[in-house]
Amino acid sequence: MTASRIADSANETVKAEIDALRNEIKRLTDLVSDLAKGGSDRATRAIQDAVEQAKSKASDTADSLKSGGRQAADEISRRVEPLASELTASVERNPLSALLIAAGIGLLIGLVSRASK
């Protein structure tokens, strides 16, 4: 019987050791899972930060282009205004010449468009 008790005691010890190992493996698995989740959260935050920086840079570039476009339009308007005023004054001084020139240009456009068909 002593051998039976020793075997039972050994079985109990082995079972206890196996339970302890299972608990340790579960704890390690949970720890690895938490670390992976933490790494994933850090990676997600890093990606979100990069996206925000890209949005900010794109917005700044769009604002810069819009400002440059406005400046270019203002410059064109400033240069065209005197030409438009001069053309208007020329037409007012010589209306018949302006009419004949416009008719001639229209005739040329009509001939060119017919020839290309």
Protein backbone atom coordinates (compact mmCIF):
# COMPACT_ATOMS: atom_id res chain seq x y z
CA MET A 1 0.00 0.00 0.00
CA THR A 2 2.79 2.32 0.58
CA ALA A 3 3.68 2.04 -3.05
CA SER A 4 0.09 2.87 -3.94
CA ARG A 5 0.16 5.92 -1.69
CA ILE A 6 3.48 7.00 -3.16
CA ALA A 7 2.05 6.60 -6.66
CA ASP A 8 -1.08 8.55 -5.70
CA SER A 9 1.07 11.23 -4.12
CA ALA A 10 3.26 11.35 -7.21
CA ASN A 11 0.15 11.57 -9.41
CA GLU A 12 -1.19 14.42 -7.28
CA THR A 13 2.16 16.23 -7.51
CA VAL A 14 2.29 15.74 -11.28
CA LYS A 15 -1.31 16.99 -11.63
CA ALA A 16 -0.49 20.02 -9.51
CA GLU A 17 2.61 20.70 -11.61
CA ILE A 18 0.58 20.34 -14.84
CA ASP A 19 -2.08 22.73 -13.49
CA ALA A 20 0.64 25.19 -12.51
CA LEU A 21 2.16 24.92 -15.99
CA ARG A 22 -1.26 25.43 -17.60
CA ASN A 23 -1.83 28.53 -15.48
CA GLU A 24 1.64 29.84 -16.36
CA ILE A 25 1.06 29.18 -20.10
CA LYS A 26 -2.30 30.97 -19.90
CA ARG A 27 -0.67 33.92 -18.12
CA LEU A 28 2.09 34.07 -20.76
CA THR A 29 -0.45 33.80 -23.58
CA ASP A 30 -2.45 36.67 -22.08
CA LEU A 31 0.73 38.70 -21.67
CA VAL A 32 1.79 38.11 -25.30
CA SER A 33 -1.74 38.96 -26.46
CA ASP A 34 -1.67 42.21 -24.46
CA LEU A 35 1.76 43.08 -25.84
CA ALA A 36 0.61 42.38 -29.39
CA LYS A 37 -2.49 44.49 -28.86
CA GLY A 38 -0.37 47.28 -27.40
CA GLY A 39 1.96 47.09 -30.42
CA SER A 40 -1.04 47.12 -32.72
CA ASP A 41 -2.43 50.17 -30.93
CA ARG A 42 0.93 51.94 -31.26
CA ALA A 43 1.10 51.05 -34.95
CA THR A 44 -2.47 52.29 -35.44
CA ARG A 45 -1.63 55.56 -33.68
CA ALA A 46 1.51 55.96 -35.80
CA ILE A 47 -0.50 55.41 -38.99
CA GLN A 48 -3.17 57.86 -37.86
CA ASP A 49 -0.48 60.45 -37.08
CA ALA A 50 1.07 59.95 -40.52
CA VAL A 51 -2.36 60.34 -42.17
CA GLU A 52 -3.03 63.54 -40.20
CA GLN A 53 0.37 64.94 -41.24
CA ALA A 54 -0.36 64.10 -44.88
CA LYS A 55 -3.78 65.79 -44.66
CA SER A 56 -2.21 68.86 -43.12
CA LYS A 57 0.49 69.02 -45.79
CA ALA A 58 -2.10 68.56 -48.57
CA SER A 59 -4.27 71.30 -47.07
CA ASP A 60 -1.29 73.65 -46.86
CA THR A 61 -0.38 72.88 -50.48
CA ALA A 62 -3.96 73.47 -51.63
CA ASP A 63 -4.07 76.79 -49.77
CA SER A 64 -0.75 77.78 -51.34
CA LEU A 65 -1.98 76.86 -54.84
CA LYS A 66 -5.25 78.72 -54.26
CA SER A 67 -3.36 81.80 -53.15
CA GLY A 68 -1.01 81.55 -56.16
CA GLY A 69 -3.98 81.11 -58.50
CA ARG A 70 -5.67 84.17 -57.05
CA GLN A 71 -2.49 86.20 -57.49
CA ALA A 72 -2.12 85.02 -61.10
CA ALA A 73 -5.76 85.91 -61.87
CA ASP A 74 -5.29 89.34 -60.32
CA GLU A 75 -2.13 89.90 -62.37
CA ILE A 76 -3.87 88.84 -65.62
CA SER A 77 -6.82 91.07 -64.84
CA ARG A 78 -4.47 93.99 -64.12
CA ARG A 79 -2.70 93.50 -67.47
CA VAL A 80 -5.87 92.89 -69.56
CA GLU A 81 -7.84 95.88 -68.27
CA PRO A 82 -5.79 98.49 -70.16
CA LEU A 83 -5.98 96.40 -73.36
CA ALA A 84 -9.75 96.05 -73.02
CA SER A 85 -10.10 99.78 -72.42
CA GLU A 86 -7.93 100.55 -75.44
CA LEU A 87 -9.93 98.13 -77.64
CA THR A 88 -13.21 99.69 -76.48
CA ALA A 89 -11.92 103.19 -77.23
CA SER A 90 -10.70 102.05 -80.68
CA VAL A 91 -14.10 100.55 -81.53
CA GLU A 92 -15.85 103.73 -80.38
CA ARG A 93 -13.54 105.85 -82.57
CA ASN A 94 -13.88 103.62 -85.67
CA PRO A 95 -17.09 101.55 -85.45
CA LEU A 96 -17.23 100.77 -89.18
CA SER A 97 -13.64 99.49 -89.25
CA ALA A 98 -14.30 97.35 -86.16
CA LEU A 99 -17.41 95.89 -87.81
CA LEU A 100 -15.55 95.07 -91.04
CA ILE A 101 -12.65 93.50 -89.12
CA ALA A 102 -15.07 91.36 -87.08
CA ALA A 103 -16.90 90.27 -90.26
CA GLY A 104 -13.58 89.39 -91.94
CA ILE A 105 -12.49 87.32 -88.95
CA GLY A 106 -15.86 85.54 -88.94
CA LEU A 107 -15.56 84.80 -92.66
CA LEU A 108 -12.04 83.37 -92.20
CA ILE A 109 -13.18 81.15 -89.34
CA GLY A 110 -16.10 79.93 -91.46
CA LEU A 111 -13.83 79.10 -94.41
CA VAL A 112 -11.30 77.29 -92.24
CA SER A 113 -13.99 75.27 -90.50
CA ARG A 114 -15.55 74.24 -93.85
CA ALA A 115 -12.19 73.25 -95.29
CA SER A 116 -11.43 71.00 -92.35
CA LYS A 117 -14.69 68.97 -92.80
